[in-house]
Amino acid sequence: MPEWLSLQQAAAVHGVSVDTLRRRIASGKLRASRFGVRLIRVRVEDLDRLFRPIPTGDDLTQRRARARNQRPW
């Protein structure tokens, strides 16, 4: 995957609309760079950070259980 994506590519990858990405950029939650007059690109790593999954209660419970089982005492 390229390091930079267009808004259309980023929207398709993450299942959101281009307008959603534009709102995130306007609010400062997503960084973007302008290349030329009309080209707006976002970095893949910034997208992944913004759209990373939020852990559910089950995920947290499982992580805590694993941490308890790995304790040496």
PDB file of N, CA and C in Angstrom:
ATOM      1  N   MET A   1       0.852  -1.179   0.000  1.00  0.00           N
ATOM      2  CA  MET A   1       0.000   0.000   0.000  1.00  0.00           C
ATOM      3  C   MET A   1       0.896   1.239   0.000  1.00  0.00           C
ATOM      4  N   PRO A   2       0.550   2.250  -0.782  1.00  0.00           N
ATOM      5  CA  PRO A   2       1.375   3.462  -0.797  1.00  0.00           C
ATOM      6  C   PRO A   2       1.320   4.194   0.540  1.00  0.00           C
ATOM      7  N   GLU A   3       2.314   5.031   0.767  1.00  0.00           N
ATOM      8  CA  GLU A   3       2.383   5.782   2.024  1.00  0.00           C
ATOM      9  C   GLU A   3       1.309   6.862   2.097  1.00  0.00           C
ATOM     10  N   TRP A   4       0.915   7.419   0.954  1.00  0.00           N
ATOM     11  CA  TRP A   4      -0.095   8.473   0.882  1.00  0.00           C
ATOM     12  C   TRP A   4      -1.293   7.975   0.090  1.00  0.00           C
ATOM     13  N   LEU A   5      -2.497   8.339   0.513  1.00  0.00           N
ATOM     14  CA  LEU A   5      -3.720   7.972  -0.202  1.00  0.00           C
ATOM     15  C   LEU A   5      -4.528   9.223  -0.509  1.00  0.00           C
ATOM     16  N   SER A   6      -5.254   9.164  -1.609  1.00  0.00           N
ATOM     17  CA  SER A   6      -6.210  10.236  -1.895  1.00  0.00           C
ATOM     18  C   SER A   6      -7.383  10.085  -0.935  1.00  0.00           C
ATOM     19  N   LEU A   7      -8.208  11.095  -0.840  1.00  0.00           N
ATOM     20  CA  LEU A   7      -9.376  10.999   0.039  1.00  0.00           C
ATOM     21  C   LEU A   7     -10.312   9.891  -0.428  1.00  0.00           C
ATOM     22  N   GLN A   8     -10.442   9.713  -1.735  1.00  0.00           N
ATOM     23  CA  GLN A   8     -11.309   8.665  -2.263  1.00  0.00           C
ATOM     24  C   GLN A   8     -10.769   7.282  -1.902  1.00  0.00           C
ATOM     25  N   GLN A   9      -9.472   7.084  -2.036  1.00  0.00           N
ATOM     26  CA  GLN A   9      -8.865   5.803  -1.681  1.00  0.00           C
ATOM     27  C   GLN A   9      -8.999   5.538  -0.185  1.00  0.00           C
ATOM     28  N   ALA A  10      -8.717   6.543   0.622  1.00  0.00           N
ATOM     29  CA  ALA A  10      -8.793   6.389   2.077  1.00  0.00           C
ATOM     30  C   ALA A  10     -10.217   6.080   2.518  1.00  0.00           C
ATOM     31  N   ALA A  11     -11.193   6.740   1.910  1.00  0.00           N
ATOM     32  CA  ALA A  11     -12.595   6.490   2.253  1.00  0.00           C
ATOM     33  C   ALA A  11     -12.980   5.058   1.914  1.00  0.00           C
ATOM     34  N   ALA A  12     -12.530   4.562   0.770  1.00  0.00           N
ATOM     35  CA  ALA A  12     -12.853   3.192   0.367  1.00  0.00           C
ATOM     36  C   ALA A  12     -12.208   2.173   1.301  1.00  0.00           C
ATOM     37  N   VAL A  13     -10.967   2.408   1.695  1.00  0.00           N
ATOM     38  CA  VAL A  13     -10.258   1.472   2.568  1.00  0.00           C
ATOM     39  C   VAL A  13     -10.924   1.381   3.936  1.00  0.00           C
ATOM     40  N   HIS A  14     -11.357   2.510   4.476  1.00  0.00           N
ATOM     41  CA  HIS A  14     -11.886   2.529   5.843  1.00  0.00           C
ATOM     42  C   HIS A  14     -13.410   2.537   5.915  1.00  0.00           C
ATOM     43  N   GLY A  15     -14.071   2.495   4.779  1.00  0.00           N
ATOM     44  CA  GLY A  15     -15.528   2.393   4.776  1.00  0.00           C
ATOM     45  C   GLY A  15     -16.234   3.634   5.288  1.00  0.00           C
ATOM     46  N   VAL A  16     -15.677   4.786   5.012  1.00  0.00           N
ATOM     47  CA  VAL A  16     -16.309   6.051   5.396  1.00  0.00           C
ATOM     48  C   VAL A  16     -16.449   6.908   4.142  1.00  0.00           C
ATOM     49  N   SER A  17     -17.152   8.007   4.258  1.00  0.00           N
ATOM     50  CA  SER A  17     -17.325   8.887   3.100  1.00  0.00           C
ATOM     51  C   SER A  17     -16.174   9.888   3.014  1.00  0.00           C
ATOM     52  N   VAL A  18     -15.999  10.438   1.836  1.00  0.00           N
ATOM     53  CA  VAL A  18     -15.001  11.488   1.637  1.00  0.00           C
ATOM     54  C   VAL A  18     -15.352  12.691   2.508  1.00  0.00           C
ATOM     55  N   ASP A  19     -16.645  12.981   2.645  1.00  0.00           N
ATOM     56  CA  ASP A  19     -17.064  14.103   3.496  1.00  0.00           C
ATOM     57  C   ASP A  19     -16.650  13.883   4.948  1.00  0.00           C
ATOM     58  N   THR A  20     -16.726  12.645   5.424  1.00  0.00           N
ATOM     59  CA  THR A  20     -16.286  12.339   6.788  1.00  0.00           C
ATOM     60  C   THR A  20     -14.806  12.656   6.942  1.00  0.00           C
ATOM     61  N   LEU A  21     -14.011  12.258   5.962  1.00  0.00           N
ATOM     62  CA  LEU A  21     -12.578  12.555   6.022  1.00  0.00           C
ATOM     63  C   LEU A  21     -12.330  14.057   5.985  1.00  0.00           C
ATOM     64  N   ARG A  22     -13.072  14.765   5.152  1.00  0.00           N
ATOM     65  CA  ARG A  22     -12.912  16.225   5.082  1.00  0.00           C
ATOM     66  C   ARG A  22     -13.261  16.872   6.431  1.00  0.00           C
ATOM     67  N   ARG A  23     -14.300  16.373   7.095  1.00  0.00           N
ATOM     68  CA  ARG A  23     -14.659  16.913   8.418  1.00  0.00           C
ATOM     69  C   ARG A  23     -13.562  16.628   9.436  1.00  0.00           C
ATOM     70  N   ARG A  24     -12.979  15.427   9.386  1.00  0.00           N
ATOM     71  CA  ARG A  24     -11.893  15.084  10.309  1.00  0.00           C
ATOM     72  C   ARG A  24     -10.673  15.976  10.065  1.00  0.00           C
ATOM     73  N   ILE A  25     -10.400  16.266   8.801  1.00  0.00           N
ATOM     74  CA  ILE A  25      -9.283  17.154   8.466  1.00  0.00           C
ATOM     75  C   ILE A  25      -9.568  18.566   8.981  1.00  0.00           C
ATOM     76  N   ALA A  26     -10.784  19.051   8.752  1.00  0.00           N
ATOM     77  CA  ALA A  26     -11.157  20.405   9.184  1.00  0.00           C
ATOM     78  C   ALA A  26     -11.098  20.549  10.703  1.00  0.00           C
ATOM     79  N   SER A  27     -11.446  19.466  11.428  1.00  0.00           N
ATOM     80  CA  SER A  27     -11.439  19.529  12.890  1.00  0.00           C
ATOM     81  C   SER A  27     -10.046  19.323  13.478  1.00  0.00           C
ATOM     82  N   GLY A  28      -9.087  18.933  12.636  1.00  0.00           N
ATOM     83  CA  GLY A  28      -7.729  18.712  13.117  1.00  0.00           C
ATOM     84  C   GLY A  28      -7.476  17.304  13.606  1.00  0.00           C
ATOM     85  N   LYS A  29      -8.442  16.416  13.486  1.00  0.00           N
ATOM     86  CA  LYS A  29      -8.266  15.033  13.938  1.00  0.00           C
ATOM     87  C   LYS A  29      -7.480  14.188  12.946  1.00  0.00           C
ATOM     88  N   LEU A  30      -7.415  14.637  11.697  1.00  0.00           N
ATOM     89  CA  LEU A  30      -6.675  13.923  10.657  1.00  0.00           C
ATOM     90  C   LEU A  30      -5.810  14.932   9.915  1.00  0.00           C
ATOM     91  N   ARG A  31      -4.516  14.636   9.847  1.00  0.00           N
ATOM     92  CA  ARG A  31      -3.606  15.519   9.118  1.00  0.00           C
ATOM     93  C   ARG A  31      -3.659  15.184   7.636  1.00  0.00           C
ATOM     94  N   ALA A  32      -3.558  16.198   6.820  1.00  0.00           N
ATOM     95  CA  ALA A  32      -3.558  16.019   5.370  1.00  0.00           C
ATOM     96  C   ALA A  32      -2.563  16.988   4.761  1.00  0.00           C
ATOM     97  N   SER A  33      -2.115  16.651   3.572  1.00  0.00           N
ATOM     98  CA  SER A  33      -1.205  17.530   2.834  1.00  0.00           C
ATOM     99  C   SER A  33      -1.791  17.810   1.467  1.00  0.00           C
ATOM    100  N   ARG A  34      -1.574  19.001   1.019  1.00  0.00           N
ATOM    101  CA  ARG A  34      -2.057  19.406  -0.305  1.00  0.00           C
ATOM    102  C   ARG A  34      -0.868  19.375  -1.261  1.00  0.00           C
ATOM    103  N   PHE A  35      -1.047  18.667  -2.368  1.00  0.00           N
ATOM    104  CA  PHE A  35      -0.042  18.582  -3.423  1.00  0.00           C
ATOM    105  C   PHE A  35      -0.626  19.270  -4.642  1.00  0.00           C
ATOM    106  N   GLY A  36      -0.192  20.466  -4.903  1.00  0.00           N
ATOM    107  CA  GLY A  36      -0.767  21.229  -6.000  1.00  0.00           C
ATOM    108  C   GLY A  36      -2.031  21.938  -5.548  1.00  0.00           C
ATOM    109  N   VAL A  37      -2.851  22.313  -6.512  1.00  0.00           N
ATOM    110  CA  VAL A  37      -4.041  23.103  -6.219  1.00  0.00           C
ATOM    111  C   VAL A  37      -5.173  22.241  -5.662  1.00  0.00           C
ATOM    112  N   ARG A  38      -5.393  21.060  -6.234  1.00  0.00           N
ATOM    113  CA  ARG A  38      -6.575  20.280  -5.874  1.00  0.00           C
ATOM    114  C   ARG A  38      -6.288  18.954  -5.189  1.00  0.00           C
ATOM    115  N   LEU A  39      -5.061  18.487  -5.218  1.00  0.00           N
ATOM    116  CA  LEU A  39      -4.752  17.165  -4.694  1.00  0.00           C
ATOM    117  C   LEU A  39      -4.549  17.199  -3.187  1.00  0.00           C
ATOM    118  N   ILE A  40      -5.373  16.475  -2.457  1.00  0.00           N
ATOM    119  CA  ILE A  40      -5.235  16.341  -1.007  1.00  0.00           C
ATOM    120  C   ILE A  40      -4.905  14.884  -0.728  1.00  0.00           C
ATOM    121  N   ARG A  41      -3.878  14.656   0.068  1.00  0.00           N
ATOM    122  CA  ARG A  41      -3.456  13.301   0.403  1.00  0.00           C
ATOM    123  C   ARG A  41      -3.352  13.163   1.918  1.00  0.00           C
ATOM    124  N   VAL A  42      -3.626  11.947   2.394  1.00  0.00           N
ATOM    125  CA  VAL A  42      -3.484  11.641   3.817  1.00  0.00           C
ATOM    126  C   VAL A  42      -2.533  10.459   3.958  1.00  0.00           C
ATOM    127  N   ARG A  43      -1.800  10.454   5.033  1.00  0.00           N
ATOM    128  CA  ARG A  43      -0.844   9.366   5.266  1.00  0.00           C
ATOM    129  C   ARG A  43      -1.564   8.151   5.819  1.00  0.00           C
ATOM    130  N   VAL A  44      -1.132   6.984   5.370  1.00  0.00           N
ATOM    131  CA  VAL A  44      -1.742   5.728   5.800  1.00  0.00           C
ATOM    132  C   VAL A  44      -1.624   5.572   7.313  1.00  0.00           C
ATOM    133  N   GLU A  45      -0.478   5.908   7.876  1.00  0.00           N
ATOM    134  CA  GLU A  45      -0.290   5.731   9.321  1.00  0.00           C
ATOM    135  C   GLU A  45      -1.224   6.645  10.124  1.00  0.00           C
ATOM    136  N   ASP A  46      -1.507   7.849   9.627  1.00  0.00           N
ATOM    137  CA  ASP A  46      -2.450   8.738  10.307  1.00  0.00           C
ATOM    138  C   ASP A  46      -3.870   8.178  10.236  1.00  0.00           C
ATOM    139  N   LEU A  47      -4.219   7.601   9.099  1.00  0.00           N
ATOM    140  CA  LEU A  47      -5.540   6.976   8.957  1.00  0.00           C
ATOM    141  C   LEU A  47      -5.687   5.802   9.907  1.00  0.00           C
ATOM    142  N   ASP A  48      -4.662   4.954   9.957  1.00  0.00           N
ATOM    143  CA  ASP A  48      -4.719   3.782  10.830  1.00  0.00           C
ATOM    144  C   ASP A  48      -4.843   4.188  12.292  1.00  0.00           C
ATOM    145  N   ARG A  49      -4.163   5.256  12.664  1.00  0.00           N
ATOM    146  CA  ARG A  49      -4.246   5.732  14.046  1.00  0.00           C
ATOM    147  C   ARG A  49      -5.654   6.258  14.351  1.00  0.00           C
ATOM    148  N   LEU A  50      -6.244   6.977  13.402  1.00  0.00           N
ATOM    149  CA  LEU A  50      -7.572   7.549  13.605  1.00  0.00           C
ATOM    150  C   LEU A  50      -8.650   6.475  13.648  1.00  0.00           C
ATOM    151  N   PHE A  51      -8.528   5.470  12.798  1.00  0.00           N
ATOM    152  CA  PHE A  51      -9.576   4.464  12.669  1.00  0.00           C
ATOM    153  C   PHE A  51      -9.232   3.137  13.331  1.00  0.00           C
ATOM    154  N   ARG A  52      -8.291   3.136  14.279  1.00  0.00           N
ATOM    155  CA  ARG A  52      -7.967   1.875  14.953  1.00  0.00           C
ATOM    156  C   ARG A  52      -9.179   1.420  15.757  1.00  0.00           C
ATOM    157  N   PRO A  53      -9.362   0.116  15.880  1.00  0.00           N
ATOM    158  CA  PRO A  53     -10.535  -0.391  16.604  1.00  0.00           C
ATOM    159  C   PRO A  53     -10.497  -0.014  18.083  1.00  0.00           C
ATOM    160  N   ILE A  54     -11.647   0.271  18.616  1.00  0.00           N
ATOM    161  CA  ILE A  54     -11.782   0.568  20.037  1.00  0.00           C
ATOM    162  C   ILE A  54     -12.006  -0.752  20.759  1.00  0.00           C
ATOM    163  N   PRO A  55     -11.192  -1.078  21.771  1.00  0.00           N
ATOM    164  CA  PRO A  55     -11.366  -2.359  22.459  1.00  0.00           C
ATOM    165  C   PRO A  55     -12.718  -2.432  23.165  1.00  0.00           C
ATOM    166  N   THR A  56     -13.357  -3.575  23.042  1.00  0.00           N
ATOM    167  CA  THR A  56     -14.630  -3.794  23.727  1.00  0.00           C
ATOM    168  C   THR A  56     -14.357  -4.351  25.111  1.00  0.00           C
ATOM    169  N   GLY A  57     -15.387  -4.519  25.891  1.00  0.00           N
ATOM    170  CA  GLY A  57     -15.245  -5.070  27.231  1.00  0.00           C
ATOM    171  C   GLY A  57     -14.613  -6.445  27.220  1.00  0.00           C
ATOM    172  N   ASP A  58     -14.995  -7.279  26.252  1.00  0.00           N
ATOM    173  CA  ASP A  58     -14.429  -8.623  26.155  1.00  0.00           C
ATOM    174  C   ASP A  58     -12.933  -8.571  25.877  1.00  0.00           C
ATOM    175  N   ASP A  59     -12.519  -7.677  24.998  1.00  0.00           N
ATOM    176  CA  ASP A  59     -11.097  -7.545  24.682  1.00  0.00           C
ATOM    177  C   ASP A  59     -10.306  -7.150  25.927  1.00  0.00           C
ATOM    178  N   LEU A  60     -10.835  -6.201  26.680  1.00  0.00           N
ATOM    179  CA  LEU A  60     -10.142  -5.747  27.886  1.00  0.00           C
ATOM    180  C   LEU A  60     -10.066  -6.860  28.921  1.00  0.00           C
ATOM    181  N   THR A  61     -11.144  -7.603  29.082  1.00  0.00           N
ATOM    182  CA  THR A  61     -11.169  -8.705  30.040  1.00  0.00           C
ATOM    183  C   THR A  61     -10.140  -9.758  29.664  1.00  0.00           C
ATOM    184  N   GLN A  62     -10.065 -10.081  28.386  1.00  0.00           N
ATOM    185  CA  GLN A  62      -9.101 -11.083  27.932  1.00  0.00           C
ATOM    186  C   GLN A  62      -7.669 -10.605  28.138  1.00  0.00           C
ATOM    187  N   ARG A  63      -7.406  -9.336  27.869  1.00  0.00           N
ATOM    188  CA  ARG A  63      -6.052  -8.811  28.068  1.00  0.00           C
ATOM    189  C   ARG A  63      -5.666  -8.831  29.543  1.00  0.00           C
ATOM    190  N   ARG A  64      -6.603  -8.479  30.399  1.00  0.00           N
ATOM    191  CA  ARG A  64      -6.309  -8.497  31.842  1.00  0.00           C
ATOM    192  C   ARG A  64      -6.043  -9.918  32.318  1.00  0.00           C
ATOM    193  N   ALA A  65      -6.827 -10.874  31.831  1.00  0.00           N
ATOM    194  CA  ALA A  65      -6.631 -12.269  32.224  1.00  0.00           C
ATOM    195  C   ALA A  65      -5.260 -12.765  31.768  1.00  0.00           C
ATOM    196  N   ARG A  66      -4.863 -12.426  30.551  1.00  0.00           N
ATOM    197  CA  ARG A  66      -3.539 -12.838  30.061  1.00  0.00           C
ATOM    198  C   ARG A  66      -2.440 -12.209  30.906  1.00  0.00           C
ATOM    199  N   ALA A  67      -2.615 -10.954  31.269  1.00  0.00           N
ATOM    200  CA  ALA A  67      -1.607 -10.275  32.083  1.00  0.00           C
ATOM    201  C   ALA A  67      -1.495 -10.931  33.456  1.00  0.00           C
ATOM    202  N   ARG A  68      -2.639 -11.303  34.039  1.00  0.00           N
ATOM    203  CA  ARG A  68      -2.618 -11.974  35.345  1.00  0.00           C
ATOM    204  C   ARG A  68      -1.914 -13.320  35.250  1.00  0.00           C
ATOM    205  N   ASN A  69      -2.155 -14.049  34.173  1.00  0.00           N
ATOM    206  CA  ASN A  69      -1.554 -15.374  34.018  1.00  0.00           C
ATOM    207  C   ASN A  69      -0.050 -15.303  33.770  1.00  0.00           C
ATOM    208  N   GLN A  70       0.446 -14.178  33.331  1.00  0.00           N
ATOM    209  CA  GLN A  70       1.870 -14.043  33.044  1.00  0.00           C
ATOM    210  C   GLN A  70       2.658 -13.510  34.232  1.00  0.00           C
ATOM    211  N   ARG A  71       1.989 -13.191  35.300  1.00  0.00           N
ATOM    212  CA  ARG A  71       2.694 -12.684  36.482  1.00  0.00           C
ATOM    213  C   ARG A  71       3.538 -13.803  37.098  1.00  0.00           C
ATOM    214  N   PRO A  72       4.736 -13.478  37.533  1.00  0.00           N
ATOM    215  CA  PRO A  72       5.624 -14.513  38.074  1.00  0.00           C
ATOM    216  C   PRO A  72       5.258 -14.969  39.489  1.00  0.00           C
ATOM    217  N   TRP A  73       4.398 -14.288  40.190  1.00  0.00           N
ATOM    218  CA  TRP A  73       4.085 -14.668  41.568  1.00  0.00           C
ATOM    219  C   TRP A  73       2.805 -15.392  41.698  1.00  0.00           C
TER     220      TRP A  73
END
